[in-house]
Amino acid sequence: MRSKLGESLSILQKYNTPLEQATTPSLQALQAYSLGLQSWNETDAVTALPFFQRATQLDTNFAMAYWALGWTYAAGIGESSLAAENLRKAHELSGSVSEREKLIIEGDYHLAVSGDLEKARRTCVLGAKRTRVKPSFTLTSESYQSPWTTGNGPQRTPRRPTPRSV
């Protein structure tokens, strides 16, 4: 299908990670994660939260579920400490995900946890170049906003998570 849409063989081979390696071997965890993404996109973060929590309970190594849980706590509920905890966990688990998922997790990790905005920006740019995935945020000096910062520091208004990795 992807080759019919114009992706080259080299790109297909590079990013063709088996489902059980890229996301989770648990179909139930993947279903909970997908329902969480759908719920967030159709309603709000509060209704998505239990789905992401369930996905991480079903597979404690599901990096993208921890990423989504972190986003939900940060952008949807305003719980920055829980957001950082879950994004840190996603980052720790990101060694076993696809390059695309790794770039998504890494960018948000540097944004929310390490606070290294330059690494977040570089990761975002690299991800856009390598995977053709539009970044979840745009970094532009003082206009940059983050759901994890408060007060006078840089701020951002996040977009909702989308099923970009499923």
N, C-alpha and C. Protein backbone atom coordinates (compact mmCIF):
# COMPACT_ATOMS: atom_id res chain seq x y z
N MET A 1 0.82 -1.19 0.00
CA MET A 1 0.00 0.00 0.00
C MET A 1 0.86 1.26 0.00
N ARG A 2 1.86 1.31 0.91
CA ARG A 2 2.69 2.50 0.99
C ARG A 2 3.49 2.71 -0.28
N SER A 3 3.93 1.62 -0.93
CA SER A 3 4.67 1.79 -2.18
C SER A 3 3.77 2.33 -3.27
N LYS A 4 2.50 1.95 -3.24
CA LYS A 4 1.53 2.48 -4.22
C LYS A 4 1.30 3.98 -4.02
N LEU A 5 1.54 4.44 -2.79
CA LEU A 5 1.37 5.86 -2.49
C LEU A 5 2.62 6.67 -2.79
N GLY A 6 3.68 5.99 -3.29
CA GLY A 6 4.86 6.71 -3.73
C GLY A 6 6.08 6.63 -2.84
N GLU A 7 6.02 5.87 -1.75
CA GLU A 7 7.20 5.74 -0.90
C GLU A 7 8.21 4.82 -1.58
N SER A 8 9.48 5.22 -1.52
CA SER A 8 10.52 4.43 -2.15
C SER A 8 10.79 3.16 -1.35
N LEU A 9 11.40 2.17 -2.02
CA LEU A 9 11.72 0.91 -1.37
C LEU A 9 12.67 1.12 -0.19
N SER A 10 13.65 2.01 -0.34
CA SER A 10 14.60 2.25 0.75
C SER A 10 13.91 2.83 1.98
N ILE A 11 12.97 3.75 1.76
CA ILE A 11 12.21 4.33 2.88
C ILE A 11 11.32 3.27 3.52
N LEU A 12 10.67 2.46 2.69
CA LEU A 12 9.82 1.40 3.22
C LEU A 12 10.61 0.44 4.09
N GLN A 13 11.80 0.05 3.63
CA GLN A 13 12.62 -0.87 4.40
C GLN A 13 13.12 -0.24 5.69
N LYS A 14 13.48 1.04 5.62
CA LYS A 14 14.02 1.72 6.80
C LYS A 14 12.97 1.88 7.90
N TYR A 15 11.74 2.19 7.52
CA TYR A 15 10.70 2.49 8.51
C TYR A 15 9.66 1.38 8.65
N ASN A 16 9.92 0.22 8.09
CA ASN A 16 8.96 -0.87 8.15
C ASN A 16 9.27 -1.75 9.37
N THR A 17 8.99 -1.23 10.53
CA THR A 17 9.23 -1.94 11.78
C THR A 17 8.01 -2.80 12.10
N PRO A 18 8.21 -4.09 12.42
CA PRO A 18 7.07 -4.94 12.76
C PRO A 18 6.29 -4.36 13.94
N LEU A 19 4.99 -4.53 13.93
CA LEU A 19 4.11 -3.97 14.94
C LEU A 19 4.56 -4.31 16.35
N GLU A 20 4.93 -5.58 16.59
CA GLU A 20 5.31 -5.98 17.94
C GLU A 20 6.58 -5.32 18.42
N GLN A 21 7.42 -4.82 17.49
CA GLN A 21 8.62 -4.11 17.90
C GLN A 21 8.37 -2.61 17.99
N ALA A 22 7.56 -2.07 17.11
CA ALA A 22 7.35 -0.63 17.04
C ALA A 22 6.42 -0.11 18.11
N THR A 23 5.46 -0.91 18.51
CA THR A 23 4.49 -0.42 19.48
C THR A 23 4.41 -1.35 20.68
N THR A 24 3.67 -2.43 20.53
CA THR A 24 3.47 -3.35 21.65
C THR A 24 3.07 -4.72 21.11
N PRO A 25 3.50 -5.78 21.78
CA PRO A 25 3.04 -7.11 21.37
C PRO A 25 1.62 -7.41 21.87
N SER A 26 1.09 -6.53 22.72
CA SER A 26 -0.23 -6.73 23.30
C SER A 26 -1.30 -6.06 22.45
N LEU A 27 -2.14 -6.85 21.84
CA LEU A 27 -3.23 -6.31 21.04
C LEU A 27 -4.19 -5.49 21.92
N GLN A 28 -4.40 -5.95 23.15
CA GLN A 28 -5.29 -5.22 24.06
C GLN A 28 -4.71 -3.85 24.42
N ALA A 29 -3.40 -3.78 24.64
CA ALA A 29 -2.76 -2.50 24.96
C ALA A 29 -2.83 -1.57 23.76
N LEU A 30 -2.59 -2.11 22.57
CA LEU A 30 -2.68 -1.30 21.36
C LEU A 30 -4.11 -0.79 21.15
N GLN A 31 -5.07 -1.62 21.44
CA GLN A 31 -6.47 -1.20 21.31
C GLN A 31 -6.80 -0.08 22.31
N ALA A 32 -6.35 -0.22 23.54
CA ALA A 32 -6.59 0.82 24.55
C ALA A 32 -5.93 2.13 24.13
N TYR A 33 -4.70 2.05 23.65
CA TYR A 33 -3.97 3.22 23.17
C TYR A 33 -4.73 3.89 22.01
N SER A 34 -5.15 3.09 21.06
CA SER A 34 -5.89 3.62 19.90
C SER A 34 -7.20 4.26 20.32
N LEU A 35 -7.90 3.65 21.27
CA LEU A 35 -9.14 4.23 21.78
C LEU A 35 -8.86 5.54 22.51
N GLY A 36 -7.73 5.61 23.20
CA GLY A 36 -7.35 6.85 23.86
C GLY A 36 -7.11 7.97 22.86
N LEU A 37 -6.38 7.66 21.78
CA LEU A 37 -6.15 8.67 20.74
C LEU A 37 -7.47 9.12 20.12
N GLN A 38 -8.32 8.15 19.82
CA GLN A 38 -9.62 8.47 19.23
C GLN A 38 -10.46 9.31 20.18
N SER A 39 -10.46 8.94 21.45
CA SER A 39 -11.23 9.66 22.45
C SER A 39 -10.74 11.09 22.59
N TRP A 40 -9.42 11.29 22.63
CA TRP A 40 -8.85 12.63 22.75
C TRP A 40 -9.26 13.46 21.53
N ASN A 41 -9.12 12.90 20.36
CA ASN A 41 -9.42 13.64 19.13
C ASN A 41 -10.90 13.96 18.98
N GLU A 42 -11.76 13.11 19.51
CA GLU A 42 -13.19 13.33 19.37
C GLU A 42 -13.81 14.05 20.57
N THR A 43 -13.19 13.94 21.74
CA THR A 43 -13.76 14.59 22.92
C THR A 43 -12.69 15.43 23.62
N ASP A 44 -12.04 14.85 24.64
CA ASP A 44 -11.02 15.61 25.37
C ASP A 44 -10.07 14.68 26.11
N ALA A 45 -9.09 15.27 26.76
CA ALA A 45 -8.05 14.51 27.46
C ALA A 45 -8.60 13.73 28.64
N VAL A 46 -9.55 14.28 29.33
CA VAL A 46 -10.09 13.62 30.52
C VAL A 46 -10.70 12.26 30.16
N THR A 47 -11.40 12.20 29.04
CA THR A 47 -11.99 10.93 28.62
C THR A 47 -10.94 9.98 28.04
N ALA A 48 -9.84 10.51 27.54
CA ALA A 48 -8.77 9.67 26.98
C ALA A 48 -7.89 9.06 28.06
N LEU A 49 -7.76 9.73 29.19
CA LEU A 49 -6.83 9.32 30.24
C LEU A 49 -6.97 7.85 30.63
N PRO A 50 -8.16 7.32 30.94
CA PRO A 50 -8.23 5.92 31.36
C PRO A 50 -7.76 4.93 30.29
N PHE A 51 -7.92 5.28 29.02
CA PHE A 51 -7.46 4.39 27.95
C PHE A 51 -5.93 4.30 27.95
N PHE A 52 -5.26 5.44 28.08
CA PHE A 52 -3.80 5.44 28.09
C PHE A 52 -3.27 4.76 29.36
N GLN A 53 -3.95 4.99 30.48
CA GLN A 53 -3.55 4.31 31.72
C GLN A 53 -3.68 2.80 31.56
N ARG A 54 -4.77 2.37 30.95
CA ARG A 54 -4.99 0.94 30.73
C ARG A 54 -3.93 0.35 29.81
N ALA A 55 -3.57 1.08 28.77
CA ALA A 55 -2.54 0.60 27.84
C ALA A 55 -1.22 0.37 28.56
N THR A 56 -0.85 1.27 29.47
CA THR A 56 0.41 1.11 30.20
C THR A 56 0.31 0.00 31.25
N GLN A 57 -0.88 -0.28 31.74
CA GLN A 57 -1.07 -1.39 32.67
C GLN A 57 -0.95 -2.73 31.94
N LEU A 58 -1.50 -2.77 30.73
CA LEU A 58 -1.46 -4.01 29.95
C LEU A 58 -0.07 -4.32 29.40
N ASP A 59 0.70 -3.29 29.11
CA ASP A 59 2.07 -3.47 28.63
C ASP A 59 2.94 -2.38 29.25
N THR A 60 3.68 -2.75 30.27
CA THR A 60 4.50 -1.78 30.99
C THR A 60 5.72 -1.33 30.19
N ASN A 61 5.90 -1.88 28.99
CA ASN A 61 7.01 -1.47 28.11
C ASN A 61 6.52 -0.74 26.86
N PHE A 62 5.31 -0.26 26.86
CA PHE A 62 4.68 0.39 25.71
C PHE A 62 5.03 1.87 25.72
N ALA A 63 6.13 2.21 25.08
CA ALA A 63 6.66 3.58 25.12
C ALA A 63 5.67 4.62 24.62
N MET A 64 4.99 4.36 23.52
CA MET A 64 4.07 5.35 22.97
C MET A 64 2.85 5.57 23.87
N ALA A 65 2.47 4.57 24.62
CA ALA A 65 1.36 4.75 25.57
C ALA A 65 1.79 5.67 26.71
N TYR A 66 3.05 5.52 27.16
CA TYR A 66 3.56 6.45 28.17
C TYR A 66 3.68 7.86 27.61
N TRP A 67 4.10 7.96 26.34
CA TRP A 67 4.17 9.28 25.69
C TRP A 67 2.78 9.93 25.69
N ALA A 68 1.77 9.17 25.25
CA ALA A 68 0.40 9.71 25.19
C ALA A 68 -0.11 10.06 26.58
N LEU A 69 0.22 9.24 27.56
CA LEU A 69 -0.19 9.52 28.94
C LEU A 69 0.48 10.81 29.43
N GLY A 70 1.74 10.99 29.10
CA GLY A 70 2.43 12.23 29.45
C GLY A 70 1.78 13.45 28.82
N TRP A 71 1.46 13.34 27.54
CA TRP A 71 0.78 14.44 26.84
C TRP A 71 -0.57 14.74 27.48
N THR A 72 -1.29 13.68 27.84
CA THR A 72 -2.60 13.85 28.43
C THR A 72 -2.51 14.59 29.77
N TYR A 73 -1.57 14.18 30.59
CA TYR A 73 -1.39 14.86 31.87
C TYR A 73 -0.96 16.31 31.68
N ALA A 74 -0.09 16.55 30.74
CA ALA A 74 0.44 17.91 30.54
C ALA A 74 -0.56 18.83 29.85
N ALA A 75 -0.95 18.46 28.67
CA ALA A 75 -1.74 19.35 27.82
C ALA A 75 -3.22 19.32 28.14
N GLY A 76 -3.69 18.19 28.60
CA GLY A 76 -5.12 18.08 28.81
C GLY A 76 -5.57 18.31 30.23
N ILE A 77 -4.71 17.96 31.21
CA ILE A 77 -5.14 18.00 32.59
C ILE A 77 -4.32 19.00 33.42
N GLY A 78 -3.12 19.31 32.97
CA GLY A 78 -2.29 20.28 33.68
C GLY A 78 -1.50 19.72 34.84
N GLU A 79 -1.20 18.44 34.81
CA GLU A 79 -0.42 17.78 35.86
C GLU A 79 1.02 17.63 35.38
N SER A 80 1.83 18.66 35.56
CA SER A 80 3.18 18.65 34.98
C SER A 80 4.09 17.58 35.57
N SER A 81 3.96 17.27 36.86
CA SER A 81 4.84 16.24 37.44
C SER A 81 4.51 14.86 36.89
N LEU A 82 3.21 14.55 36.75
CA LEU A 82 2.83 13.27 36.16
C LEU A 82 3.18 13.22 34.67
N ALA A 83 3.10 14.36 34.01
CA ALA A 83 3.49 14.44 32.60
C ALA A 83 4.96 14.10 32.46
N ALA A 84 5.80 14.73 33.26
CA ALA A 84 7.24 14.50 33.20
C ALA A 84 7.59 13.05 33.53
N GLU A 85 6.92 12.50 34.53
CA GLU A 85 7.17 11.11 34.93
C GLU A 85 6.88 10.14 33.77
N ASN A 86 5.77 10.35 33.09
CA ASN A 86 5.40 9.44 32.00
C ASN A 86 6.24 9.68 30.74
N LEU A 87 6.60 10.91 30.46
CA LEU A 87 7.47 11.18 29.32
C LEU A 87 8.88 10.65 29.59
N ARG A 88 9.33 10.70 30.82
CA ARG A 88 10.62 10.12 31.20
C ARG A 88 10.60 8.61 30.96
N LYS A 89 9.51 7.97 31.37
CA LYS A 89 9.36 6.53 31.18
C LYS A 89 9.33 6.19 29.69
N ALA A 90 8.62 6.98 28.90
CA ALA A 90 8.58 6.75 27.44
C ALA A 90 9.98 6.86 26.86
N HIS A 91 10.73 7.86 27.31
CA HIS A 91 12.10 8.06 26.82
C HIS A 91 12.99 6.87 27.21
N GLU A 92 12.85 6.37 28.42
CA GLU A 92 13.63 5.21 28.86
C GLU A 92 13.33 3.98 28.00
N LEU A 93 12.10 3.85 27.55
CA LEU A 93 11.68 2.69 26.75
C LEU A 93 11.86 2.88 25.25
N SER A 94 12.31 4.04 24.84
CA SER A 94 12.32 4.36 23.40
C SER A 94 13.39 3.63 22.60
N GLY A 95 14.24 2.86 23.24
CA GLY A 95 15.24 2.10 22.51
C GLY A 95 14.66 0.99 21.66
N SER A 96 13.44 0.58 21.94
CA SER A 96 12.84 -0.53 21.21
C SER A 96 11.72 -0.10 20.27
N VAL A 97 11.64 1.18 19.96
CA VAL A 97 10.57 1.66 19.08
C VAL A 97 11.13 2.02 17.70
N SER A 98 10.25 2.30 16.77
CA SER A 98 10.68 2.71 15.45
C SER A 98 11.37 4.07 15.52
N GLU A 99 12.12 4.41 14.49
CA GLU A 99 12.79 5.72 14.48
C GLU A 99 11.77 6.85 14.56
N ARG A 100 10.68 6.69 13.89
CA ARG A 100 9.63 7.71 13.89
C ARG A 100 9.09 7.96 15.30
N GLU A 101 8.78 6.87 16.00
CA GLU A 101 8.28 6.99 17.37
C GLU A 101 9.36 7.55 18.29
N LYS A 102 10.59 7.13 18.07
CA LYS A 102 11.70 7.61 18.89
C LYS A 102 11.84 9.13 18.77
N LEU A 103 11.72 9.65 17.56
CA LEU A 103 11.83 11.09 17.35
C LEU A 103 10.69 11.85 18.03
N ILE A 104 9.50 11.29 17.98
CA ILE A 104 8.35 11.91 18.65
C ILE A 104 8.60 11.97 20.16
N ILE A 105 8.99 10.83 20.72
CA ILE A 105 9.23 10.75 22.16
C ILE A 105 10.39 11.65 22.57
N GLU A 106 11.48 11.58 21.82
CA GLU A 106 12.67 12.35 22.18
C GLU A 106 12.41 13.85 22.16
N GLY A 107 11.71 14.32 21.13
CA GLY A 107 11.40 15.75 21.07
C GLY A 107 10.62 16.22 22.27
N ASP A 108 9.58 15.48 22.62
CA ASP A 108 8.77 15.88 23.77
C ASP A 108 9.51 15.68 25.10
N TYR A 109 10.37 14.67 25.16
CA TYR A 109 11.17 14.47 26.37
C TYR A 109 12.07 15.70 26.62
N HIS A 110 12.76 16.14 25.58
CA HIS A 110 13.65 17.29 25.76
C HIS A 110 12.86 18.56 26.06
N LEU A 111 11.70 18.65 25.50
CA LEU A 111 10.84 19.80 25.75
C LEU A 111 10.33 19.82 27.18
N ALA A 112 9.83 18.68 27.64
CA ALA A 112 9.13 18.65 28.92
C ALA A 112 9.97 18.24 30.11
N VAL A 113 10.96 17.38 29.89
CA VAL A 113 11.69 16.82 31.02
C VAL A 113 13.08 17.43 31.15
N SER A 114 13.87 17.34 30.11
CA SER A 114 15.24 17.87 30.21
C SER A 114 15.26 19.39 30.08
N GLY A 115 14.26 19.95 29.43
CA GLY A 115 14.20 21.40 29.23
C GLY A 115 15.17 21.92 28.19
N ASP A 116 15.77 21.02 27.43
CA ASP A 116 16.72 21.41 26.39
C ASP A 116 15.96 21.75 25.11
N LEU A 117 15.59 23.01 24.97
CA LEU A 117 14.78 23.44 23.83
C LEU A 117 15.51 23.29 22.50
N GLU A 118 16.82 23.43 22.53
CA GLU A 118 17.58 23.27 21.28
C GLU A 118 17.55 21.82 20.81
N LYS A 119 17.70 20.87 21.74
CA LYS A 119 17.59 19.45 21.36
C LYS A 119 16.17 19.14 20.90
N ALA A 120 15.19 19.70 21.56
CA ALA A 120 13.80 19.49 21.14
C ALA A 120 13.59 20.01 19.73
N ARG A 121 14.12 21.19 19.45
CA ARG A 121 13.97 21.78 18.12
C ARG A 121 14.68 20.94 17.06
N ARG A 122 15.92 20.52 17.35
CA ARG A 122 16.67 19.71 16.39
C ARG A 122 15.97 18.38 16.12
N THR A 123 15.45 17.77 17.17
CA THR A 123 14.74 16.51 17.01
C THR A 123 13.49 16.70 16.16
N CYS A 124 12.80 17.78 16.41
CA CYS A 124 11.58 18.11 15.65
C CYS A 124 11.91 18.29 14.17
N VAL A 125 12.95 19.03 13.87
CA VAL A 125 13.36 19.27 12.49
C VAL A 125 13.80 17.97 11.83
N LEU A 126 14.60 17.19 12.54
CA LEU A 126 15.08 15.91 12.02
C LEU A 126 13.91 14.97 11.75
N GLY A 127 12.97 14.92 12.66
CA GLY A 127 11.80 14.07 12.47
C GLY A 127 10.99 14.47 11.26
N ALA A 128 10.83 15.75 11.05
CA ALA A 128 10.08 16.23 9.89
C ALA A 128 10.80 15.87 8.59
N LYS A 129 12.12 15.94 8.60
CA LYS A 129 12.89 15.61 7.40
C LYS A 129 12.89 14.12 7.11
N ARG A 130 13.10 13.31 8.14
CA ARG A 130 13.28 11.87 7.96
C ARG A 130 11.97 11.12 7.78
N THR A 131 10.94 11.55 8.44
CA THR A 131 9.72 10.74 8.47
C THR A 131 8.53 11.40 7.79
N ARG A 132 8.69 12.62 7.38
CA ARG A 132 7.59 13.39 6.77
C ARG A 132 6.42 13.57 7.72
N VAL A 133 6.69 13.47 9.02
CA VAL A 133 5.67 13.70 10.03
C VAL A 133 5.73 15.15 10.44
N LYS A 134 4.61 15.84 10.36
CA LYS A 134 4.58 17.23 10.80
C LYS A 134 4.80 17.26 12.31
N PRO A 135 5.72 18.09 12.76
CA PRO A 135 5.99 18.14 14.20
C PRO A 135 4.73 18.47 15.00
N SER A 136 4.71 17.99 16.27
CA SER A 136 3.56 18.27 17.12
C SER A 136 3.59 19.70 17.63
N PHE A 137 4.68 20.41 17.35
CA PHE A 137 4.79 21.80 17.79
C PHE A 137 5.77 22.52 16.89
N THR A 138 5.74 23.83 16.95
CA THR A 138 6.67 24.65 16.20
C THR A 138 7.47 25.49 17.18
N LEU A 139 8.77 25.44 17.05
CA LEU A 139 9.64 26.19 17.95
C LEU A 139 10.06 27.48 17.28
N THR A 140 9.69 28.60 17.87
CA THR A 140 10.12 29.90 17.38
C THR A 140 10.41 30.79 18.56
N SER A 141 11.61 30.86 18.98
CA SER A 141 12.11 31.66 20.09
C SER A 141 11.07 31.98 21.15
N GLU A 142 10.70 33.24 21.30
CA GLU A 142 9.81 33.65 22.39
C GLU A 142 8.36 33.23 22.17
N SER A 143 7.98 32.92 20.94
CA SER A 143 6.59 32.51 20.72
C SER A 143 6.37 31.05 21.07
N TYR A 144 7.45 30.35 21.37
CA TYR A 144 7.38 28.95 21.72
C TYR A 144 6.61 28.77 23.02
N GLN A 145 5.73 27.80 23.05
CA GLN A 145 4.94 27.56 24.25
C GLN A 145 4.97 26.08 24.60
N SER A 146 4.98 25.78 25.87
CA SER A 146 5.01 24.41 26.34
C SER A 146 3.96 24.19 27.41
N PRO A 147 3.24 23.08 27.37
CA PRO A 147 2.26 22.80 28.42
C PRO A 147 2.92 22.46 29.75
N TRP A 148 4.25 22.26 29.75
CA TRP A 148 4.93 21.86 30.97
C TRP A 148 5.59 23.02 31.68
N THR A 149 5.57 24.20 31.11
CA THR A 149 6.22 25.33 31.78
C THR A 149 5.15 26.31 32.24
N THR A 150 5.47 27.02 33.29
CA THR A 150 4.54 28.01 33.82
C THR A 150 5.30 29.30 34.09
N GLY A 151 4.59 30.32 34.41
CA GLY A 151 5.24 31.58 34.77
C GLY A 151 5.78 32.30 33.56
N ASN A 152 6.98 32.85 33.72
CA ASN A 152 7.58 33.68 32.68
C ASN A 152 8.37 32.91 31.64
N GLY A 153 8.53 31.60 31.80
CA GLY A 153 9.32 30.81 30.85
C GLY A 153 8.59 30.62 29.53
N PRO A 154 9.25 29.96 28.60
CA PRO A 154 8.63 29.70 27.31
C PRO A 154 7.35 28.88 27.50
N GLN A 155 6.37 29.13 26.69
CA GLN A 155 5.09 28.44 26.77
C GLN A 155 4.66 28.00 25.38
N ARG A 156 3.82 27.01 25.29
CA ARG A 156 3.23 26.61 24.02
C ARG A 156 1.84 26.07 24.23
N THR A 157 1.03 26.16 23.23
CA THR A 157 -0.29 25.56 23.26
C THR A 157 -0.21 24.30 22.40
N PRO A 158 -0.31 23.14 22.99
CA PRO A 158 -0.11 21.90 22.25
C PRO A 158 -1.31 21.52 21.40
N ARG A 159 -1.03 20.78 20.36
CA ARG A 159 -2.10 20.16 19.59
C ARG A 159 -2.40 18.83 20.25
N ARG A 160 -3.54 18.32 19.97
CA ARG A 160 -3.91 17.01 20.52
C ARG A 160 -3.07 15.91 19.90
N PRO A 161 -2.79 14.84 20.66
CA PRO A 161 -2.12 13.69 20.06
C PRO A 161 -2.96 13.13 18.92
N THR A 162 -2.31 12.66 17.91
CA THR A 162 -2.99 12.04 16.78
C THR A 162 -2.38 10.68 16.53
N PRO A 163 -3.09 9.80 15.90
CA PRO A 163 -2.56 8.44 15.67
C PRO A 163 -1.49 8.42 14.59
N ARG A 164 -0.39 9.14 14.82
CA ARG A 164 0.66 9.23 13.81
C ARG A 164 1.57 8.01 13.81
N SER A 165 1.49 7.19 14.82
CA SER A 165 2.42 6.07 14.89
C SER A 165 1.74 4.72 14.78
N VAL A 166 0.46 4.69 14.59
CA VAL A 166 -0.26 3.42 14.50
C VAL A 166 -0.59 3.14 13.06
